[in-house]
Amino acid sequence: MLLAEGRIDMVAEFDVKEYDIAAAVPIVREAGGRMTAFDGTETLSALSALATNGILHDSFLSLFRDAPRA
């Protein structure tokens, strides 16, 4: 996983199910990262996932919140 290795800072997944991302949650957390839904809630059932290095998580969340909707 590139995020856990520190090769990238953020991964965003849209339209995902719990079983798509469940295994990644402990890997990201053990590597010092954070994983939430795009609204910032720590849940697997939000149909979206934002995983970051932890340091930049709030910055990426604000980018998604402030992005114009189509």
Protein backbone atom coordinates (compact mmCIF):
# COMPACT_ATOMS: atom_id res chain seq x y z
CA MET A 1 0.00 0.00 0.00
CA LEU A 2 1.63 3.21 -1.20
CA LEU A 3 0.09 5.37 1.53
CA ALA A 4 1.32 3.15 4.36
CA GLU A 5 4.79 3.10 2.79
CA GLY A 6 4.86 6.92 2.72
CA ARG A 7 5.07 7.13 -1.08
CA ILE A 8 1.82 9.13 -1.40
CA ASP A 9 -0.02 11.42 1.01
CA MET A 10 -3.69 10.76 0.20
CA VAL A 11 -6.03 8.17 -1.27
CA ALA A 12 -9.70 8.90 -1.99
CA GLU A 13 -12.25 6.25 -2.84
CA PHE A 14 -15.77 6.93 -4.08
CA ASP A 15 -18.76 4.56 -4.03
CA VAL A 16 -17.12 1.90 -1.87
CA LYS A 17 -18.59 -0.77 0.37
CA GLU A 18 -17.36 -1.79 3.80
CA TYR A 19 -15.69 -4.92 2.46
CA ASP A 20 -13.74 -2.84 -0.09
CA ILE A 21 -11.86 -0.85 2.56
CA ALA A 22 -12.10 -2.77 5.86
CA ALA A 23 -8.67 -4.38 5.55
CA ALA A 24 -7.00 -1.04 4.77
CA VAL A 25 -8.18 0.71 7.96
CA PRO A 26 -5.81 -1.00 10.44
CA ILE A 27 -2.93 -0.81 7.96
CA VAL A 28 -3.35 2.94 7.52
CA ARG A 29 -3.79 3.54 11.26
CA GLU A 30 -0.77 1.41 12.24
CA ALA A 31 1.33 3.39 9.75
CA GLY A 32 0.30 6.64 11.49
CA GLY A 33 -2.38 7.69 9.02
CA ARG A 34 -6.05 8.48 9.28
CA MET A 35 -9.02 7.08 7.40
CA THR A 36 -12.49 8.63 7.42
CA ALA A 37 -15.44 9.32 5.17
CA PHE A 38 -15.34 12.57 3.19
CA ASP A 39 -17.38 14.26 5.92
CA GLY A 40 -14.76 13.34 8.54
CA THR A 41 -16.68 10.58 10.31
CA GLU A 42 -14.76 7.46 11.19
CA THR A 43 -17.09 4.92 9.63
CA LEU A 44 -16.88 2.22 7.01
CA SER A 45 -20.45 2.60 5.80
CA ALA A 46 -20.38 6.10 4.28
CA LEU A 47 -19.79 4.99 0.66
CA SER A 48 -16.62 7.13 0.56
CA ALA A 49 -13.19 6.89 2.09
CA LEU A 50 -10.36 9.36 2.55
CA ALA A 51 -7.06 7.93 3.76
CA THR A 52 -4.09 10.21 4.44
CA ASN A 53 -0.73 10.30 6.14
CA GLY A 54 -2.53 11.79 9.17
CA ILE A 55 -0.74 15.13 9.12
CA LEU A 56 -2.58 16.42 6.05
CA HIS A 57 -5.95 14.82 6.78
CA ASP A 58 -7.79 17.95 7.89
CA SER A 59 -6.46 19.89 4.91
CA PHE A 60 -7.69 17.26 2.46
CA LEU A 61 -11.06 17.09 4.22
CA SER A 62 -11.52 20.83 3.82
CA LEU A 63 -10.69 20.56 0.10
CA PHE A 64 -13.46 18.01 -0.34
CA ARG A 65 -15.95 20.01 1.75
CA ASP A 66 -15.25 23.26 -0.10
CA ALA A 67 -15.21 21.78 -3.61
CA PRO A 68 -18.03 22.99 -5.87
CA ARG A 69 -20.73 20.40 -6.51
CA ALA A 70 -21.81 19.61 -10.05
